[in-house]
Amino acid sequence: MSQQGFAIELYLEPALENQVLKAWNVLARRQISTELIEMESRPHITLFSAPFLEPSKLESLLKGFASKHDPLPLTFSSLATFPNDPDNLLFLAPTPSLSLLHLQSQLCDAIRKEGLEIGDDYAFNSWIPYCSVAHHVPKNRMPEAFSLLRELKLPVSGYAMDVALVQFSPVREIFSFVLGNNVDS
């Protein structure tokens, strides 16, 4: 059963995105997980998600938000999974930075002002930033997945360049804006 909803995602610059795509492709070739590729996702960090929202309410908010924030330096420094996660998610964890935490917190404040509720997963002091590399990894294949992904030679660094509103699943971008720029991407 695929989830339905909306998310505001932080997209990566092409070089960093390609590092994440390498991980997706390694796991797909070994038939460990192909879900992210099949749902037509893009490597990202989810800043906010909700089961329903009105995209038109967020377009000018997101455009203004993006124009006030510069591209954000990111370093993915570890490979992890959440304990007791029923989705058996495998992800790259960014090195914690105040700039990333502030970006997400300011976005949620702006969304709250629009009258949208911020779920517990995205609330201040409980949001955990991550970039998915595999969903629904069979438990017996988790050690193999970790072993393959250790070859990624972490840490990998780059920039987050855009914010986008997407609908899922499958993933369909509704609009996106380049950070530090008033021009639509």
C-alpha atoms as a PDB file:
ATOM      1  CA  MET A   1       0.000   0.000   0.000  1.00  0.00           C
ATOM      2  CA  SER A   2       1.548   3.298  -1.028  1.00  0.00           C
ATOM      3  CA  GLN A   3       1.195   6.385   1.106  1.00  0.00           C
ATOM      4  CA  GLN A   4      -0.585   9.471  -0.206  1.00  0.00           C
ATOM      5  CA  GLY A   5       0.120  13.055   0.723  1.00  0.00           C
ATOM      6  CA  PHE A   6       2.250  16.123   0.178  1.00  0.00           C
ATOM      7  CA  ALA A   7       5.781  17.011   1.210  1.00  0.00           C
ATOM      8  CA  ILE A   8       8.084  19.988   1.077  1.00  0.00           C
ATOM      9  CA  GLU A   9      11.451  18.625   0.062  1.00  0.00           C
ATOM     10  CA  LEU A  10      14.936  20.069   0.051  1.00  0.00           C
ATOM     11  CA  TYR A  11      16.646  19.069  -3.209  1.00  0.00           C
ATOM     12  CA  LEU A  12      20.377  18.571  -3.616  1.00  0.00           C
ATOM     13  CA  GLU A  13      22.798  19.991  -6.146  1.00  0.00           C
ATOM     14  CA  PRO A  14      23.502  17.568  -9.053  1.00  0.00           C
ATOM     15  CA  ALA A  15      26.883  16.294  -7.773  1.00  0.00           C
ATOM     16  CA  LEU A  16      25.497  15.425  -4.330  1.00  0.00           C
ATOM     17  CA  GLU A  17      22.277  14.061  -5.845  1.00  0.00           C
ATOM     18  CA  ASN A  18      24.378  11.732  -8.016  1.00  0.00           C
ATOM     19  CA  GLN A  19      26.119  10.345  -4.915  1.00  0.00           C
ATOM     20  CA  VAL A  20      22.719   9.416  -3.468  1.00  0.00           C
ATOM     21  CA  LEU A  21      21.524   7.990  -6.799  1.00  0.00           C
ATOM     22  CA  LYS A  22      24.614   5.747  -6.810  1.00  0.00           C
ATOM     23  CA  ALA A  23      23.362   4.225  -3.549  1.00  0.00           C
ATOM     24  CA  TRP A  24      19.849   3.746  -4.977  1.00  0.00           C
ATOM     25  CA  ASN A  25      21.279   2.048  -8.068  1.00  0.00           C
ATOM     26  CA  VAL A  26      23.622  -0.271  -6.131  1.00  0.00           C
ATOM     27  CA  LEU A  27      20.670  -1.496  -4.031  1.00  0.00           C
ATOM     28  CA  ALA A  28      18.435  -1.819  -7.109  1.00  0.00           C
ATOM     29  CA  ARG A  29      21.042  -3.873  -9.011  1.00  0.00           C
ATOM     30  CA  ARG A  30      21.246  -6.281  -6.066  1.00  0.00           C
ATOM     31  CA  GLN A  31      17.417  -6.348  -5.899  1.00  0.00           C
ATOM     32  CA  ILE A  32      17.476  -5.162  -2.284  1.00  0.00           C
ATOM     33  CA  SER A  33      15.249  -2.118  -2.838  1.00  0.00           C
ATOM     34  CA  THR A  34      13.882  -0.326  -5.901  1.00  0.00           C
ATOM     35  CA  GLU A  35      10.988   1.543  -4.293  1.00  0.00           C
ATOM     36  CA  LEU A  36      12.463   5.067  -4.451  1.00  0.00           C
ATOM     37  CA  ILE A  37      13.252   4.637  -8.148  1.00  0.00           C
ATOM     38  CA  GLU A  38       9.819   3.135  -8.889  1.00  0.00           C
ATOM     39  CA  MET A  39       7.934   5.922  -7.100  1.00  0.00           C
ATOM     40  CA  GLU A  40       9.945   8.449  -9.189  1.00  0.00           C
ATOM     41  CA  SER A  41      11.379  10.166  -6.148  1.00  0.00           C
ATOM     42  CA  ARG A  42      14.406  12.441  -6.214  1.00  0.00           C
ATOM     43  CA  PRO A  43      17.118  12.443  -3.541  1.00  0.00           C
ATOM     44  CA  HIS A  44      15.972  14.915  -0.883  1.00  0.00           C
ATOM     45  CA  ILE A  45      15.526  15.784   2.772  1.00  0.00           C
ATOM     46  CA  THR A  46      11.863  16.116   3.759  1.00  0.00           C
ATOM     47  CA  LEU A  47      11.262  19.388   5.623  1.00  0.00           C
ATOM     48  CA  PHE A  48       7.496  18.952   6.118  1.00  0.00           C
ATOM     49  CA  SER A  49       4.780  16.495   5.141  1.00  0.00           C
ATOM     50  CA  ALA A  50       1.008  16.362   5.489  1.00  0.00           C
ATOM     51  CA  PRO A  51      -1.686  13.962   4.256  1.00  0.00           C
ATOM     52  CA  PHE A  52      -3.571  16.872   2.670  1.00  0.00           C
ATOM     53  CA  LEU A  53      -2.971  20.536   1.910  1.00  0.00           C
ATOM     54  CA  GLU A  54      -3.940  23.106  -0.683  1.00  0.00           C
ATOM     55  CA  PRO A  55      -0.861  23.648  -2.904  1.00  0.00           C
ATOM     56  CA  SER A  56      -1.973  27.125  -4.018  1.00  0.00           C
ATOM     57  CA  LYS A  57      -1.810  28.277  -0.366  1.00  0.00           C
ATOM     58  CA  LEU A  58       1.882  27.411  -0.218  1.00  0.00           C
ATOM     59  CA  GLU A  59       3.221  28.591  -3.570  1.00  0.00           C
ATOM     60  CA  SER A  60       3.908  32.235  -2.673  1.00  0.00           C
ATOM     61  CA  LEU A  61       5.013  31.219   0.841  1.00  0.00           C
ATOM     62  CA  LEU A  62       7.586  28.784  -0.557  1.00  0.00           C
ATOM     63  CA  LYS A  63       8.740  31.211  -3.250  1.00  0.00           C
ATOM     64  CA  GLY A  64       9.348  33.947  -0.651  1.00  0.00           C
ATOM     65  CA  PHE A  65      10.961  31.475   1.732  1.00  0.00           C
ATOM     66  CA  ALA A  66      13.376  30.220  -0.942  1.00  0.00           C
ATOM     67  CA  SER A  67      14.370  33.755  -1.945  1.00  0.00           C
ATOM     68  CA  LYS A  68      15.392  34.543   1.658  1.00  0.00           C
ATOM     69  CA  HIS A  69      17.644  31.479   2.106  1.00  0.00           C
ATOM     70  CA  ASP A  70      20.946  30.776   0.397  1.00  0.00           C
ATOM     71  CA  PRO A  71      21.971  27.333  -0.829  1.00  0.00           C
ATOM     72  CA  LEU A  72      22.735  25.277   2.243  1.00  0.00           C
ATOM     73  CA  PRO A  73      25.974  23.335   2.776  1.00  0.00           C
ATOM     74  CA  LEU A  74      25.271  19.677   3.566  1.00  0.00           C
ATOM     75  CA  THR A  75      27.483  16.752   4.476  1.00  0.00           C
ATOM     76  CA  PHE A  76      26.092  13.236   4.612  1.00  0.00           C
ATOM     77  CA  SER A  77      28.381  11.628   7.159  1.00  0.00           C
ATOM     78  CA  SER A  78      26.684   8.410   8.217  1.00  0.00           C
ATOM     79  CA  LEU A  79      24.442   5.606   7.087  1.00  0.00           C
ATOM     80  CA  ALA A  80      21.616   4.712   9.457  1.00  0.00           C
ATOM     81  CA  THR A  81      18.217   3.180  10.083  1.00  0.00           C
ATOM     82  CA  PHE A  82      15.558   3.936  12.693  1.00  0.00           C
ATOM     83  CA  PRO A  83      15.192   1.282  15.410  1.00  0.00           C
ATOM     84  CA  ASN A  84      11.894  -0.614  15.283  1.00  0.00           C
ATOM     85  CA  ASP A  85      10.939   1.091  12.000  1.00  0.00           C
ATOM     86  CA  PRO A  86       8.254  -0.981  10.248  1.00  0.00           C
ATOM     87  CA  ASP A  87       9.354   0.494   6.877  1.00  0.00           C
ATOM     88  CA  ASN A  88      12.941  -0.781   7.274  1.00  0.00           C
ATOM     89  CA  LEU A  89      14.211   2.556   5.989  1.00  0.00           C
ATOM     90  CA  LEU A  90      17.895   2.993   5.254  1.00  0.00           C
ATOM     91  CA  PHE A  91      19.152   6.579   5.006  1.00  0.00           C
ATOM     92  CA  LEU A  92      22.092   8.935   4.828  1.00  0.00           C
ATOM     93  CA  ALA A  93      22.204  11.237   7.842  1.00  0.00           C
ATOM     94  CA  PRO A  94      23.506  14.765   7.410  1.00  0.00           C
ATOM     95  CA  THR A  95      26.010  16.119   9.890  1.00  0.00           C
ATOM     96  CA  PRO A  96      23.845  18.244  12.203  1.00  0.00           C
ATOM     97  CA  SER A  97      24.062  21.957  11.474  1.00  0.00           C
ATOM     98  CA  LEU A  98      22.293  24.964  12.934  1.00  0.00           C
ATOM     99  CA  SER A  99      21.645  26.285   9.422  1.00  0.00           C
ATOM    100  CA  LEU A 100      19.687  23.140   8.454  1.00  0.00           C
ATOM    101  CA  LEU A 101      17.741  23.106  11.731  1.00  0.00           C
ATOM    102  CA  HIS A 102      16.940  26.827  11.422  1.00  0.00           C
ATOM    103  CA  LEU A 103      15.810  26.436   7.799  1.00  0.00           C
ATOM    104  CA  GLN A 104      13.347  23.683   8.717  1.00  0.00           C
ATOM    105  CA  SER A 105      12.145  25.470  11.858  1.00  0.00           C
ATOM    106  CA  GLN A 106      11.552  28.762   9.993  1.00  0.00           C
ATOM    107  CA  LEU A 107       9.667  26.906   7.249  1.00  0.00           C
ATOM    108  CA  CYS A 108       7.389  25.228   9.795  1.00  0.00           C
ATOM    109  CA  ASP A 109       6.757  28.586  11.523  1.00  0.00           C
ATOM    110  CA  ALA A 110       5.714  30.083   8.176  1.00  0.00           C
ATOM    111  CA  ILE A 111       3.463  27.084   7.423  1.00  0.00           C
ATOM    112  CA  ARG A 112       1.864  27.313  10.876  1.00  0.00           C
ATOM    113  CA  LYS A 113       1.052  30.995  10.173  1.00  0.00           C
ATOM    114  CA  GLU A 114      -0.865  29.780   7.097  1.00  0.00           C
ATOM    115  CA  GLY A 115      -3.068  27.747   9.419  1.00  0.00           C
ATOM    116  CA  LEU A 116      -1.567  24.327   8.695  1.00  0.00           C
ATOM    117  CA  GLU A 117      -0.828  21.975  11.541  1.00  0.00           C
ATOM    118  CA  ILE A 118       2.739  20.758  12.003  1.00  0.00           C
ATOM    119  CA  GLY A 119       2.817  17.040  12.859  1.00  0.00           C
ATOM    120  CA  ASP A 120       4.997  15.724  15.680  1.00  0.00           C
ATOM    121  CA  ASP A 121       7.635  14.387  13.255  1.00  0.00           C
ATOM    122  CA  TYR A 122       8.320  17.938  11.997  1.00  0.00           C
ATOM    123  CA  ALA A 123       7.945  19.828  15.287  1.00  0.00           C
ATOM    124  CA  PHE A 124      10.861  21.797  16.697  1.00  0.00           C
ATOM    125  CA  ASN A 125      13.200  19.530  18.719  1.00  0.00           C
ATOM    126  CA  SER A 126      11.813  16.300  17.239  1.00  0.00           C
ATOM    127  CA  TRP A 127      12.511  16.592  13.470  1.00  0.00           C
ATOM    128  CA  ILE A 128      15.264  14.227  12.300  1.00  0.00           C
ATOM    129  CA  PRO A 129      16.773  15.190   8.940  1.00  0.00           C
ATOM    130  CA  TYR A 130      17.652  12.306   6.626  1.00  0.00           C
ATOM    131  CA  CYS A 131      17.970  11.389   2.959  1.00  0.00           C
ATOM    132  CA  SER A 132      16.379   8.024   2.146  1.00  0.00           C
ATOM    133  CA  VAL A 133      18.431   5.495   0.221  1.00  0.00           C
ATOM    134  CA  ALA A 134      16.068   2.510   0.561  1.00  0.00           C
ATOM    135  CA  HIS A 135      12.547   1.751   1.783  1.00  0.00           C
ATOM    136  CA  HIS A 136      11.274  -1.657   2.866  1.00  0.00           C
ATOM    137  CA  VAL A 137      14.650  -3.380   2.959  1.00  0.00           C
ATOM    138  CA  PRO A 138      14.006  -7.029   3.890  1.00  0.00           C
ATOM    139  CA  LYS A 139      15.364  -7.537   7.427  1.00  0.00           C
ATOM    140  CA  ASN A 140      17.563 -10.424   6.308  1.00  0.00           C
ATOM    141  CA  ARG A 141      19.147  -8.189   3.609  1.00  0.00           C
ATOM    142  CA  MET A 142      19.873  -5.196   5.900  1.00  0.00           C
ATOM    143  CA  PRO A 143      23.471  -6.330   6.676  1.00  0.00           C
ATOM    144  CA  GLU A 144      24.173  -6.741   2.933  1.00  0.00           C
ATOM    145  CA  ALA A 145      22.691  -3.286   2.207  1.00  0.00           C
ATOM    146  CA  PHE A 146      24.868  -1.685   4.903  1.00  0.00           C
ATOM    147  CA  SER A 147      27.925  -3.495   3.571  1.00  0.00           C
ATOM    148  CA  LEU A 148      27.306  -2.331  -0.026  1.00  0.00           C
ATOM    149  CA  LEU A 149      26.650   1.258   1.016  1.00  0.00           C
ATOM    150  CA  ARG A 150      29.810   1.470   3.120  1.00  0.00           C
ATOM    151  CA  GLU A 151      31.606   1.619  -0.238  1.00  0.00           C
ATOM    152  CA  LEU A 152      30.096   5.086  -0.840  1.00  0.00           C
ATOM    153  CA  LYS A 153      33.118   6.573   0.935  1.00  0.00           C
ATOM    154  CA  LEU A 154      31.300   8.869   3.327  1.00  0.00           C
ATOM    155  CA  PRO A 155      31.318  11.707   4.094  1.00  0.00           C
ATOM    156  CA  VAL A 156      29.974  13.259   0.889  1.00  0.00           C
ATOM    157  CA  SER A 157      29.422  17.004   0.808  1.00  0.00           C
ATOM    158  CA  GLY A 158      27.621  19.535  -1.333  1.00  0.00           C
ATOM    159  CA  TYR A 159      24.690  21.906  -1.193  1.00  0.00           C
ATOM    160  CA  ALA A 160      20.927  21.840  -0.922  1.00  0.00           C
ATOM    161  CA  MET A 161      19.809  24.049  -3.799  1.00  0.00           C
ATOM    162  CA  ASP A 162      15.995  24.008  -4.116  1.00  0.00           C
ATOM    163  CA  VAL A 163      12.794  23.575  -2.144  1.00  0.00           C
ATOM    164  CA  ALA A 164       9.877  21.798  -3.792  1.00  0.00           C
ATOM    165  CA  LEU A 165       6.307  20.869  -3.028  1.00  0.00           C
ATOM    166  CA  VAL A 166       5.578  17.330  -4.178  1.00  0.00           C
ATOM    167  CA  GLN A 167       2.557  15.079  -4.110  1.00  0.00           C
ATOM    168  CA  PHE A 168       3.058  11.350  -3.574  1.00  0.00           C
ATOM    169  CA  SER A 169       2.938   8.470  -4.375  1.00  0.00           C
ATOM    170  CA  PRO A 170       4.137   8.278  -7.157  1.00  0.00           C
ATOM    171  CA  VAL A 171       6.077  11.489  -6.628  1.00  0.00           C
ATOM    172  CA  ARG A 172       4.923  14.437  -8.728  1.00  0.00           C
ATOM    173  CA  GLU A 173       6.557  17.825  -8.307  1.00  0.00           C
ATOM    174  CA  ILE A 174       3.967  20.592  -8.095  1.00  0.00           C
ATOM    175  CA  PHE A 175       6.468  23.475  -8.017  1.00  0.00           C
ATOM    176  CA  SER A 176      10.019  24.191  -6.894  1.00  0.00           C
ATOM    177  CA  PHE A 177      12.123  27.254  -6.187  1.00  0.00           C
ATOM    178  CA  VAL A 178      15.887  27.746  -6.171  1.00  0.00           C
ATOM    179  CA  LEU A 179      17.264  28.869  -2.809  1.00  0.00           C
ATOM    180  CA  GLY A 180      18.510  32.470  -2.899  1.00  0.00           C
ATOM    181  CA  ASN A 181      16.684  33.240  -6.142  1.00  0.00           C
ATOM    182  CA  ASN A 182      13.276  34.672  -7.066  1.00  0.00           C
ATOM    183  CA  VAL A 183      13.164  32.787 -10.378  1.00  0.00           C
ATOM    184  CA  ASP A 184      11.059  29.608 -10.796  1.00  0.00           C
ATOM    185  CA  SER A 185      13.110  26.496 -11.520  1.00  0.00           C
END
